[in-house]
Amino acid sequence: VIVFSFSRRQCEEHAKALTKGKTQLDFTTTEQKEVIKQIYDNALLCMAEEDRDLECVREIYPFLERGIGIHHGGLLPIIKEL
C-alpha cells in the first residue's frame, strides 16, 4: 500500500490511522518483525545519542514493525533508509 500526501503532518496521520481502530493493518510475520527490530536497533546505534530521543525516531518503530513506512522531508536521513 502506498499513500501519497503533500503534508508532513498528514503523512504521519495516515500512518497512524493504518495502525489504529478497525484498520490495524499488519503486513509482517513474526520472523520479519524480529529482523525489523534488529535493523532498527542497529540504526539507533549509528545515531547521535540526542537524536535517539527525537519523537520521529521513537514513533516510527511501531509503523516499521507492521511493515508501514513513512517518508517526508522532516525525517533524519537514517530514518528514511529504514
N, C-alpha and C. Protein backbone atom coordinates (compact mmCIF):
# COMPACT_ATOMS: atom_id res chain seq x y z
N VAL A 1 0.86 -1.17 0.00
CA VAL A 1 0.00 0.00 0.00
C VAL A 1 0.90 1.23 0.00
N ILE A 2 0.66 2.14 -0.90
CA ILE A 2 1.38 3.41 -0.93
C ILE A 2 0.35 4.53 -0.85
N VAL A 3 0.57 5.44 0.08
CA VAL A 3 -0.31 6.59 0.24
C VAL A 3 0.54 7.84 0.06
N PHE A 4 0.14 8.72 -0.83
CA PHE A 4 0.86 9.96 -1.06
C PHE A 4 0.15 11.10 -0.35
N SER A 5 0.96 11.93 0.28
CA SER A 5 0.43 13.10 0.96
C SER A 5 1.46 14.21 0.80
N PHE A 6 1.01 15.42 0.63
CA PHE A 6 1.93 16.54 0.44
C PHE A 6 2.18 17.31 1.73
N SER A 7 1.80 16.73 2.83
CA SER A 7 1.98 17.37 4.13
C SER A 7 2.66 16.39 5.08
N ARG A 8 3.67 16.87 5.79
CA ARG A 8 4.36 16.03 6.77
C ARG A 8 3.38 15.51 7.82
N ARG A 9 2.55 16.42 8.32
CA ARG A 9 1.57 16.04 9.35
C ARG A 9 0.61 14.98 8.84
N GLN A 10 0.09 15.19 7.62
CA GLN A 10 -0.84 14.21 7.05
C GLN A 10 -0.16 12.87 6.81
N CYS A 11 1.08 12.89 6.41
CA CYS A 11 1.82 11.66 6.18
C CYS A 11 1.84 10.82 7.46
N GLU A 12 2.18 11.44 8.57
CA GLU A 12 2.21 10.74 9.84
C GLU A 12 0.82 10.34 10.31
N GLU A 13 -0.17 11.18 10.07
CA GLU A 13 -1.54 10.86 10.46
C GLU A 13 -2.07 9.66 9.68
N HIS A 14 -1.74 9.59 8.40
CA HIS A 14 -2.17 8.44 7.59
C HIS A 14 -1.55 7.15 8.13
N ALA A 15 -0.28 7.20 8.48
CA ALA A 15 0.38 6.01 9.03
C ALA A 15 -0.26 5.60 10.35
N LYS A 16 -0.54 6.57 11.21
CA LYS A 16 -1.19 6.27 12.49
C LYS A 16 -2.57 5.66 12.26
N ALA A 17 -3.31 6.17 11.28
CA ALA A 17 -4.64 5.65 11.00
C ALA A 17 -4.60 4.19 10.56
N LEU A 18 -3.51 3.80 9.91
CA LEU A 18 -3.39 2.40 9.46
C LEU A 18 -3.11 1.44 10.61
N THR A 19 -2.74 1.96 11.77
CA THR A 19 -2.41 1.10 12.89
C THR A 19 -3.38 1.22 14.06
N LYS A 20 -4.42 2.00 13.90
CA LYS A 20 -5.37 2.24 14.99
C LYS A 20 -6.78 1.82 14.58
N GLY A 21 -7.64 1.69 15.57
CA GLY A 21 -9.06 1.45 15.32
C GLY A 21 -9.33 0.15 14.59
N LYS A 22 -10.30 0.18 13.70
CA LYS A 22 -10.72 -1.01 12.98
C LYS A 22 -9.67 -1.49 11.99
N THR A 23 -8.87 -0.57 11.48
CA THR A 23 -7.91 -0.91 10.44
C THR A 23 -6.82 -1.83 10.95
N GLN A 24 -5.98 -1.34 11.83
CA GLN A 24 -4.87 -2.07 12.43
C GLN A 24 -4.18 -3.02 11.45
N LEU A 25 -3.69 -2.47 10.37
CA LEU A 25 -3.01 -3.28 9.36
C LEU A 25 -1.67 -3.76 9.88
N ASP A 26 -1.32 -4.98 9.51
CA ASP A 26 -0.05 -5.57 9.88
C ASP A 26 0.39 -6.45 8.71
N PHE A 27 1.47 -6.03 8.06
CA PHE A 27 1.93 -6.71 6.86
C PHE A 27 3.11 -7.65 7.10
N THR A 28 3.52 -7.83 8.36
CA THR A 28 4.73 -8.61 8.64
C THR A 28 4.46 -9.84 9.48
N THR A 29 5.32 -10.83 9.28
CA THR A 29 5.27 -12.06 10.08
C THR A 29 6.10 -11.85 11.34
N THR A 30 6.04 -12.79 12.26
CA THR A 30 6.85 -12.72 13.48
C THR A 30 8.33 -12.69 13.14
N GLU A 31 8.74 -13.50 12.18
CA GLU A 31 10.15 -13.53 11.79
C GLU A 31 10.58 -12.18 11.19
N GLN A 32 9.74 -11.59 10.38
CA GLN A 32 10.05 -10.30 9.79
C GLN A 32 10.13 -9.21 10.86
N LYS A 33 9.26 -9.29 11.86
CA LYS A 33 9.28 -8.32 12.96
C LYS A 33 10.63 -8.39 13.69
N GLU A 34 11.16 -9.59 13.87
CA GLU A 34 12.46 -9.76 14.53
C GLU A 34 13.57 -9.11 13.72
N VAL A 35 13.54 -9.28 12.41
CA VAL A 35 14.55 -8.67 11.55
C VAL A 35 14.41 -7.15 11.57
N ILE A 36 13.19 -6.66 11.51
CA ILE A 36 12.94 -5.21 11.56
C ILE A 36 13.48 -4.63 12.86
N LYS A 37 13.27 -5.32 13.97
CA LYS A 37 13.77 -4.87 15.28
C LYS A 37 15.29 -4.78 15.26
N GLN A 38 15.95 -5.78 14.69
CA GLN A 38 17.42 -5.76 14.61
C GLN A 38 17.91 -4.59 13.77
N ILE A 39 17.28 -4.37 12.63
CA ILE A 39 17.67 -3.25 11.75
C ILE A 39 17.44 -1.92 12.45
N TYR A 40 16.31 -1.78 13.12
CA TYR A 40 16.00 -0.54 13.84
C TYR A 40 17.02 -0.30 14.95
N ASP A 41 17.31 -1.33 15.73
CA ASP A 41 18.27 -1.20 16.82
C ASP A 41 19.66 -0.83 16.29
N ASN A 42 20.06 -1.43 15.17
CA ASN A 42 21.35 -1.10 14.57
C ASN A 42 21.37 0.35 14.08
N ALA A 43 20.25 0.81 13.53
CA ALA A 43 20.17 2.20 13.09
C ALA A 43 20.30 3.15 14.27
N LEU A 44 19.71 2.80 15.40
CA LEU A 44 19.83 3.63 16.60
C LEU A 44 21.28 3.77 17.02
N LEU A 45 22.04 2.68 16.91
CA LEU A 45 23.44 2.71 17.30
C LEU A 45 24.27 3.64 16.41
N CYS A 46 23.80 3.88 15.19
CA CYS A 46 24.51 4.77 14.26
C CYS A 46 24.18 6.24 14.49
N MET A 47 23.18 6.50 15.32
CA MET A 47 22.74 7.88 15.56
C MET A 47 23.45 8.49 16.76
N ALA A 48 23.51 9.80 16.76
CA ALA A 48 23.97 10.52 17.95
C ALA A 48 22.96 10.26 19.07
N GLU A 49 23.44 10.22 20.30
CA GLU A 49 22.56 9.91 21.43
C GLU A 49 21.36 10.84 21.51
N GLU A 50 21.59 12.14 21.26
CA GLU A 50 20.48 13.09 21.36
C GLU A 50 19.42 12.86 20.29
N ASP A 51 19.81 12.29 19.16
CA ASP A 51 18.85 12.01 18.09
C ASP A 51 17.97 10.80 18.41
N ARG A 52 18.47 9.89 19.21
CA ARG A 52 17.72 8.67 19.56
C ARG A 52 16.42 8.99 20.31
N ASP A 53 16.39 10.13 20.99
CA ASP A 53 15.21 10.51 21.78
C ASP A 53 14.25 11.40 21.03
N LEU A 54 14.53 11.69 19.76
CA LEU A 54 13.62 12.52 18.98
C LEU A 54 12.30 11.79 18.75
N GLU A 55 11.23 12.56 18.73
CA GLU A 55 9.90 12.00 18.56
C GLU A 55 9.78 11.16 17.29
N CYS A 56 10.33 11.67 16.18
CA CYS A 56 10.21 10.94 14.92
C CYS A 56 10.94 9.60 14.97
N VAL A 57 12.00 9.52 15.74
CA VAL A 57 12.75 8.27 15.88
C VAL A 57 11.96 7.28 16.74
N ARG A 58 11.42 7.76 17.84
CA ARG A 58 10.66 6.89 18.74
C ARG A 58 9.35 6.40 18.12
N GLU A 59 8.68 7.28 17.38
CA GLU A 59 7.35 6.95 16.88
C GLU A 59 7.34 6.11 15.61
N ILE A 60 8.45 5.99 14.92
CA ILE A 60 8.43 5.27 13.65
C ILE A 60 8.46 3.75 13.84
N TYR A 61 9.03 3.27 14.93
CA TYR A 61 9.17 1.82 15.10
C TYR A 61 7.85 1.05 15.01
N PRO A 62 6.78 1.47 15.69
CA PRO A 62 5.52 0.72 15.57
C PRO A 62 5.01 0.60 14.13
N PHE A 63 5.30 1.61 13.31
CA PHE A 63 4.92 1.54 11.90
C PHE A 63 5.78 0.51 11.18
N LEU A 64 7.09 0.63 11.38
CA LEU A 64 8.01 -0.28 10.71
C LEU A 64 7.72 -1.73 11.07
N GLU A 65 7.44 -1.96 12.33
CA GLU A 65 7.16 -3.32 12.81
C GLU A 65 5.98 -3.95 12.07
N ARG A 66 5.06 -3.12 11.64
CA ARG A 66 3.88 -3.62 10.91
C ARG A 66 4.07 -3.57 9.40
N GLY A 67 5.27 -3.17 8.96
CA GLY A 67 5.53 -3.10 7.52
C GLY A 67 5.06 -1.82 6.87
N ILE A 68 4.88 -0.78 7.68
CA ILE A 68 4.40 0.51 7.19
C ILE A 68 5.56 1.50 7.29
N GLY A 69 5.92 2.11 6.19
CA GLY A 69 6.98 3.10 6.19
C GLY A 69 6.43 4.47 5.86
N ILE A 70 7.11 5.48 6.36
CA ILE A 70 6.74 6.85 6.01
C ILE A 70 7.99 7.55 5.49
N HIS A 71 7.80 8.56 4.68
CA HIS A 71 8.92 9.31 4.13
C HIS A 71 8.48 10.73 3.89
N HIS A 72 9.15 11.65 4.56
CA HIS A 72 8.90 13.07 4.32
C HIS A 72 10.16 13.85 4.65
N GLY A 73 10.19 15.10 4.29
CA GLY A 73 11.38 15.92 4.43
C GLY A 73 11.84 16.15 5.86
N GLY A 74 11.00 15.91 6.84
CA GLY A 74 11.37 16.16 8.23
C GLY A 74 12.07 15.01 8.91
N LEU A 75 12.23 13.89 8.22
CA LEU A 75 12.88 12.73 8.82
C LEU A 75 14.39 12.83 8.73
N LEU A 76 15.07 12.28 9.71
CA LEU A 76 16.53 12.17 9.64
C LEU A 76 16.89 11.21 8.51
N PRO A 77 18.01 11.43 7.84
CA PRO A 77 18.40 10.54 6.74
C PRO A 77 18.43 9.05 7.12
N ILE A 78 18.93 8.73 8.31
CA ILE A 78 18.98 7.32 8.73
C ILE A 78 17.59 6.72 8.86
N ILE A 79 16.61 7.52 9.26
CA ILE A 79 15.23 7.05 9.38
C ILE A 79 14.63 6.82 8.01
N LYS A 80 14.96 7.67 7.04
CA LYS A 80 14.47 7.48 5.69
C LYS A 80 14.95 6.16 5.10
N GLU A 81 16.15 5.74 5.50
CA GLU A 81 16.70 4.49 4.99
C GLU A 81 15.98 3.28 5.55
N LEU A 82 15.38 3.41 6.73
CA LEU A 82 14.68 2.28 7.32
C LEU A 82 13.46 1.96 6.51
